[in-house]
Structures are given as C-alpha cells and as structure tokens.
Amino acid sequence: MIVWRREGYSLASSLTLIAGLGVIAADVLFFFDPIKAPAPIKSFANVFLSAIILYILLTVWNTLSSMFVYQWYFPRRNKDYIIVLGAGLIDGYKVGRLLGNRINTAIDFYKRQIAETKQHPKFIFSGGQGGDEKLPEAVAMQKYAVQHGVPTQDTLIEDKSVNTFQNMKFSKQLIERDGGNERRKVVFVTNNFHTMRAGVLADRVGLKANGIGAPTPFYYLPNAVIREYLALFVMHKRFHIVMFSLIFLVAVLDGLMVGQGF
C-alpha cells in the first residue's frame, strides 16, 4: 500500500504483492491438495513444482548474496569519469528522491576526490526522455547537480539511452569522444539494489567500471530487489530454460514410473 501511494499503481510496484500471492498459492497446493488427480499426474506435479521452487530459491539466494557482496566495493578516488544512471522524473521534470540519492552520492564522491587528490573527474549524466517526461533525465540531473555546486564544465550529458545497457554503451561512446583512452578510470553511481546488474552490463559493453550504491528508501527496496532478480533471471534465460527442461524431464520420468507401479 505504501509503494502504491508513493509510486502509483503499476506492475513494477506490485511485485511484492504478486510474490506473496504466489507463496500462498504454493502453500495451498502442497498442504491442502485441492486438485484431485491420478497418482502419476500428482507425482509429476509434486516433483516438478518442488524442484522448480527449490531452484528458484537457490537462484534468489545467489542473487541476494551477490548483491550484498557488491555493496562492499569502495572505489579509489582517482577517477576520470563518474557515470550517474538516470531514473524516472517526478511530474515529468523534477528529480525525485530515488534519483536525487544517486546524484548526491556522486557529488559526495566528486568532492571527496577533489579534496584528496585535486583531480576533477567529469560527470556523465545518462538518461533519455521517457514518453511521459518533459525533458531528458540527463538534463534534469545536470541541472540538479549544478544547483548543488557542480561546475557545468565538469558535466557531460548522454540523453539517448532508455535502459541500463544503453546507459553503459552510450556513456562509453561519449567517453571515447571526449578523449578518454583505454586507461581511463570510471565509476558509475546507481541505487544499491541496481549496482550488480549495472556492473554486469558495463562489462558486456566493454566498459571497465564498478559501481557505488546510493541509498534506497526502505519501502521501495522489496519491489526493487524482486525486479532486479527478474531482470538478471532473464539475462541468463537460456541457462534457466535448459535447467527447467531437465527438471521437467525428471518429473515426467517420475510420473511414468509411478504409473507403472514402481
């Protein structure tokens, strides 16, 4: 309810509810056995659903533990570029709390690096314009940063990307156009739940960069983590399809054996 009030009604903001309903449905199937079916079919269903649930729990654990470990990355303050990943704008033009935390974290790193090394990194504000937005996210982010003391000459804008993959790809191209070479030192900033997947995508486009995680409002975190898990799951869908197929075959064999009286 809190997420709906603050973020609006959408599939993305309902993921925690959907997951909860799924758990309840699984409990009903396992403990109350509402479906009266022949023994072979019931055996097949029990094996298949049990194995799928166990597999999903293992992948959830792997994802959560990897996310946790990624939070312990503390970059050296010797960077040439700080990429700040965009997020949706409030009312189509204002930087909201989620995005503001990203920019504030980047500004803090920027100021600390200057204080320690006198080296001025450049910001790359990366984010295009959504259908319901009045200006590109990158432009709104730059305005916010300048209002918070960042010199305009220390900022670059990448305003074409519409997803994290493009954030990384287009930011890398912008760095190359700006004169950055292969030895450039880059860090990106996003929210803590998003750093691991963003790092994977940075690696896929050949951008050597790790991420700093900005804080995320607690009410938003469960939905965000579920969404990240699903996105990572889809990124490795071929592997998961193979695993699901193997589980299905084992369950079919179990059902056939029960049907033959084994």
Protein backbone atom coordinates (compact mmCIF):
# COMPACT_ATOMS: atom_id res chain seq x y z
CA MET A 1 0.00 0.00 0.00
CA ILE A 2 2.84 2.39 0.84
CA VAL A 3 4.50 1.70 -2.51
CA TRP A 4 1.22 2.26 -4.37
CA ARG A 5 0.63 5.58 -2.59
CA ARG A 6 4.13 6.87 -3.32
CA GLU A 7 4.92 5.27 -6.67
CA GLY A 8 1.45 4.74 -8.20
CA TYR A 9 -0.28 1.58 -9.40
CA SER A 10 1.80 -0.46 -11.85
CA LEU A 11 3.08 -3.97 -12.39
CA ALA A 12 6.53 -2.94 -11.15
CA SER A 13 5.11 -1.54 -7.91
CA SER A 14 3.04 -4.70 -7.32
CA LEU A 15 5.82 -7.29 -7.47
CA THR A 16 5.94 -7.86 -3.71
CA LEU A 17 2.18 -8.49 -3.65
CA ILE A 18 2.41 -10.88 -6.60
CA ALA A 19 5.26 -12.79 -4.95
CA GLY A 20 3.27 -13.07 -1.72
CA LEU A 21 0.23 -14.41 -3.54
CA GLY A 22 2.45 -16.93 -5.31
CA VAL A 23 3.78 -18.22 -1.99
CA ILE A 24 0.23 -18.57 -0.64
CA ALA A 25 -0.87 -20.45 -3.78
CA ALA A 26 2.09 -22.83 -3.47
CA ASP A 27 1.24 -23.50 0.18
CA VAL A 28 -2.36 -24.30 -0.72
CA LEU A 29 -1.28 -26.74 -3.44
CA PHE A 30 1.20 -28.56 -1.22
CA PHE A 31 -0.64 -28.72 2.08
CA PHE A 32 -4.33 -28.85 1.16
CA ASP A 33 -4.14 -30.78 -2.13
CA PRO A 34 -7.22 -29.14 -3.70
CA ILE A 35 -6.70 -30.86 -7.05
CA LYS A 36 -7.83 -34.48 -7.17
CA ALA A 37 -5.73 -36.14 -9.85
CA PRO A 38 -4.46 -39.63 -10.69
CA ALA A 39 -1.35 -40.71 -8.81
CA PRO A 40 1.07 -40.38 -11.81
CA ILE A 41 -0.05 -36.81 -12.54
CA LYS A 42 0.07 -35.89 -8.86
CA SER A 43 3.56 -37.34 -8.55
CA PHE A 44 4.69 -35.45 -11.66
CA ALA A 45 3.26 -32.19 -10.30
CA ASN A 46 4.83 -32.67 -6.86
CA VAL A 47 8.28 -33.39 -8.25
CA PHE A 48 8.14 -30.63 -10.86
CA LEU A 49 6.82 -27.91 -8.55
CA SER A 50 9.11 -28.90 -5.67
CA ALA A 51 12.18 -28.85 -7.89
CA ILE A 52 11.21 -25.55 -9.53
CA ILE A 53 10.63 -23.89 -6.15
CA LEU A 54 13.96 -25.20 -4.84
CA TYR A 55 15.73 -24.00 -7.99
CA ILE A 56 14.17 -20.54 -7.69
CA LEU A 57 15.12 -20.32 -4.00
CA LEU A 58 18.72 -21.20 -4.87
CA THR A 59 18.87 -18.53 -7.59
CA VAL A 60 17.29 -15.99 -5.23
CA TRP A 61 19.92 -16.77 -2.59
CA ASN A 62 22.70 -16.50 -5.16
CA THR A 63 21.37 -13.14 -6.38
CA LEU A 64 20.88 -11.67 -2.90
CA SER A 65 24.29 -12.78 -1.66
CA SER A 66 25.97 -11.35 -4.77
CA MET A 67 24.11 -8.06 -4.32
CA PHE A 68 25.26 -7.93 -0.70
CA VAL A 69 28.91 -8.59 -1.55
CA TYR A 70 28.82 -5.92 -4.27
CA GLN A 71 27.95 -3.29 -1.65
CA TRP A 72 31.41 -3.70 -0.14
CA TYR A 73 33.15 -2.15 -3.12
CA PHE A 74 34.89 1.07 -2.09
CA PRO A 75 36.48 2.73 -5.13
CA ARG A 76 39.74 4.63 -5.01
CA ARG A 77 39.33 8.35 -5.52
CA ASN A 78 41.32 8.58 -8.73
CA LYS A 79 38.55 8.55 -11.32
CA ASP A 80 38.34 10.40 -14.62
CA TYR A 81 34.59 9.95 -15.09
CA ILE A 82 31.59 9.43 -12.83
CA ILE A 83 28.59 7.99 -14.68
CA VAL A 84 25.26 8.68 -12.96
CA LEU A 85 22.46 6.44 -14.21
CA GLY A 86 19.06 8.04 -14.75
CA ALA A 87 15.68 7.20 -13.25
CA GLY A 88 12.14 8.44 -13.81
CA LEU A 89 11.37 12.11 -13.19
CA ILE A 90 8.60 13.30 -10.89
CA ASP A 91 5.82 15.12 -12.77
CA GLY A 92 7.92 14.70 -15.90
CA TYR A 93 10.63 17.20 -15.00
CA LYS A 94 11.70 17.02 -11.32
CA VAL A 95 14.43 14.89 -9.78
CA GLY A 96 12.80 12.61 -7.21
CA ARG A 97 14.19 11.06 -4.06
CA LEU A 98 15.49 7.91 -5.74
CA LEU A 99 17.37 9.80 -8.45
CA GLY A 100 18.39 12.55 -6.04
CA ASN A 101 20.15 9.98 -3.86
CA ARG A 102 22.17 8.84 -6.87
CA ILE A 103 23.25 12.35 -7.76
CA ASN A 104 24.04 13.27 -4.15
CA THR A 105 26.19 10.15 -3.77
CA ALA A 106 28.06 11.04 -6.96
CA ILE A 107 28.58 14.64 -5.82
CA ASP A 108 29.92 13.42 -2.48
CA PHE A 109 32.46 11.19 -4.26
CA TYR A 110 33.37 14.07 -6.59
CA LYS A 111 34.02 16.50 -3.73
CA ARG A 112 35.98 13.97 -1.68
CA GLN A 113 38.20 13.13 -4.64
CA ILE A 114 38.95 16.79 -5.30
CA ALA A 115 39.73 17.36 -1.62
CA GLU A 116 42.11 14.40 -1.50
CA THR A 117 43.78 14.48 -4.93
CA LYS A 118 42.89 17.85 -6.55
CA GLN A 119 41.75 15.81 -9.57
CA HIS A 120 38.44 16.92 -11.07
CA PRO A 121 36.51 13.98 -12.57
CA LYS A 122 33.80 14.63 -15.13
CA PHE A 123 30.20 13.67 -14.53
CA ILE A 124 28.30 11.82 -17.23
CA PHE A 125 24.57 12.11 -16.60
CA SER A 126 23.00 9.26 -18.54
CA GLY A 127 19.28 9.04 -19.22
CA GLY A 128 16.94 9.67 -22.13
CA GLN A 129 13.43 11.09 -22.23
CA GLY A 130 10.51 8.82 -21.40
CA GLY A 131 7.13 9.15 -23.05
CA ASP A 132 5.68 10.90 -20.00
CA GLU A 133 8.69 13.15 -19.37
CA LYS A 134 9.02 16.77 -20.45
CA LEU A 135 12.80 16.68 -20.79
CA PRO A 136 15.58 14.07 -20.83
CA GLU A 137 16.54 12.68 -17.45
CA ALA A 138 20.17 13.63 -18.12
CA VAL A 139 19.23 17.32 -18.48
CA ALA A 140 17.27 17.31 -15.23
CA MET A 141 20.16 15.57 -13.49
CA GLN A 142 22.68 18.11 -14.76
CA LYS A 143 20.50 20.99 -13.57
CA TYR A 144 20.20 19.39 -10.14
CA ALA A 145 23.97 18.88 -9.87
CA VAL A 146 24.77 22.45 -10.95
CA GLN A 147 22.30 23.75 -8.36
CA HIS A 148 24.23 21.72 -5.78
CA GLY A 149 27.60 23.23 -6.61
CA VAL A 150 28.96 21.22 -9.53
CA PRO A 151 30.58 23.40 -12.25
CA THR A 152 28.89 22.98 -15.63
CA GLN A 153 32.26 22.39 -17.30
CA ASP A 154 32.66 19.23 -15.22
CA THR A 155 29.49 17.69 -16.68
CA LEU A 156 28.62 15.77 -19.82
CA ILE A 157 25.16 14.68 -20.96
CA GLU A 158 24.12 11.38 -22.53
CA ASP A 159 20.42 11.82 -23.31
CA LYS A 160 19.57 8.96 -25.69
CA SER A 161 19.55 5.85 -23.50
CA VAL A 162 16.33 4.15 -22.44
CA ASN A 163 17.73 1.26 -20.37
CA THR A 164 20.80 0.31 -18.36
CA PHE A 165 22.51 -1.45 -21.27
CA GLN A 166 22.25 1.72 -23.34
CA ASN A 167 23.34 3.83 -20.35
CA MET A 168 26.62 1.95 -20.35
CA LYS A 169 27.04 1.65 -24.11
CA PHE A 170 26.34 5.30 -24.91
CA SER A 171 28.34 6.57 -21.92
CA LYS A 172 31.34 4.56 -23.12
CA GLN A 173 30.99 6.12 -26.56
CA LEU A 174 30.74 9.58 -25.00
CA ILE A 175 33.93 8.98 -23.01
CA GLU A 176 35.73 7.95 -26.19
CA ARG A 177 34.52 11.08 -28.00
CA ASP A 178 35.67 13.16 -25.05
CA GLY A 179 39.18 11.85 -25.47
CA GLY A 180 39.18 9.12 -22.86
CA ASN A 181 41.54 6.23 -23.62
CA GLU A 182 41.64 2.61 -22.51
CA ARG A 183 43.36 3.59 -19.26
CA ARG A 184 40.54 5.90 -18.23
CA LYS A 185 39.25 5.29 -14.72
CA VAL A 186 35.48 5.16 -14.47
CA VAL A 187 32.97 4.63 -11.69
CA PHE A 188 29.20 4.58 -12.04
CA VAL A 189 26.56 5.52 -9.48
CA THR A 190 23.13 3.99 -9.17
CA ASN A 191 20.97 2.75 -6.31
CA ASN A 192 22.37 -0.04 -4.15
CA PHE A 193 19.95 -2.69 -5.42
CA HIS A 194 20.98 -1.97 -9.03
CA THR A 195 24.79 -1.94 -8.81
CA MET A 196 25.40 -5.62 -9.58
CA ARG A 197 23.28 -5.80 -12.75
CA ALA A 198 24.63 -2.46 -13.94
CA GLY A 199 28.15 -3.80 -13.43
CA VAL A 200 27.36 -6.90 -15.49
CA LEU A 201 26.02 -4.73 -18.32
CA ALA A 202 29.03 -2.40 -18.15
CA ASP A 203 31.26 -5.44 -18.64
CA ARG A 204 29.14 -6.59 -21.60
CA VAL A 205 29.73 -3.34 -23.48
CA GLY A 206 33.45 -3.34 -22.68
CA LEU A 207 33.33 -0.57 -20.09
CA LYS A 208 35.69 -1.23 -17.21
CA ALA A 209 33.79 0.25 -14.29
CA ASN A 210 32.40 -0.71 -10.91
CA GLY A 211 29.53 0.92 -9.09
CA ILE A 212 28.75 2.89 -5.98
CA GLY A 213 25.35 2.17 -4.47
CA ALA A 214 23.22 5.11 -3.38
CA PRO A 215 20.74 4.53 -0.53
CA THR A 216 17.22 3.40 -1.41
CA PRO A 217 14.07 4.21 0.60
CA PHE A 218 13.18 1.10 2.60
CA TYR A 219 9.57 1.00 1.37
CA TYR A 220 10.82 0.75 -2.22
CA LEU A 221 13.51 -1.89 -1.63
CA PRO A 222 11.47 -5.17 -1.76
CA ASN A 223 9.92 -4.35 -5.14
CA ALA A 224 13.26 -3.13 -6.46
CA VAL A 225 15.11 -6.29 -5.42
CA ILE A 226 12.44 -8.54 -6.96
CA ARG A 227 12.63 -6.56 -10.20
CA GLU A 228 16.43 -6.86 -10.27
CA TYR A 229 16.19 -10.60 -9.66
CA LEU A 230 13.77 -11.00 -12.57
CA ALA A 231 15.96 -8.87 -14.84
CA LEU A 232 19.04 -10.96 -14.00
CA PHE A 233 17.00 -14.13 -14.49
CA VAL A 234 16.00 -13.01 -18.00
CA MET A 235 19.62 -12.05 -18.79
CA HIS A 236 20.54 -15.73 -18.31
CA LYS A 237 17.32 -17.17 -19.73
CA ARG A 238 18.99 -19.78 -21.95
CA PHE A 239 20.65 -21.44 -18.98
CA HIS A 240 17.41 -21.37 -16.99
CA ILE A 241 15.41 -22.82 -19.90
CA VAL A 242 17.84 -25.75 -20.05
CA MET A 243 17.53 -26.30 -16.29
CA PHE A 244 13.72 -26.10 -16.39
CA SER A 245 13.68 -28.60 -19.27
CA LEU A 246 15.82 -31.06 -17.30
CA ILE A 247 13.56 -30.69 -14.27
CA PHE A 248 10.52 -31.30 -16.49
CA LEU A 249 12.03 -34.48 -17.94
CA VAL A 250 12.89 -35.84 -14.48
CA ALA A 251 9.33 -35.10 -13.30
CA VAL A 252 7.86 -36.85 -16.36
CA LEU A 253 10.01 -39.92 -15.72
CA ASP A 254 8.88 -39.95 -12.08
CA GLY A 255 5.23 -39.78 -13.15
CA LEU A 256 5.72 -42.63 -15.64
CA MET A 257 7.40 -44.79 -13.03
CA VAL A 258 4.56 -44.19 -10.55
CA GLY A 259 2.07 -45.07 -13.28
CA GLN A 260 3.90 -48.37 -13.88
CA GLY A 261 3.81 -49.20 -10.19
CA PHE A 262 7.45 -48.58 -9.34
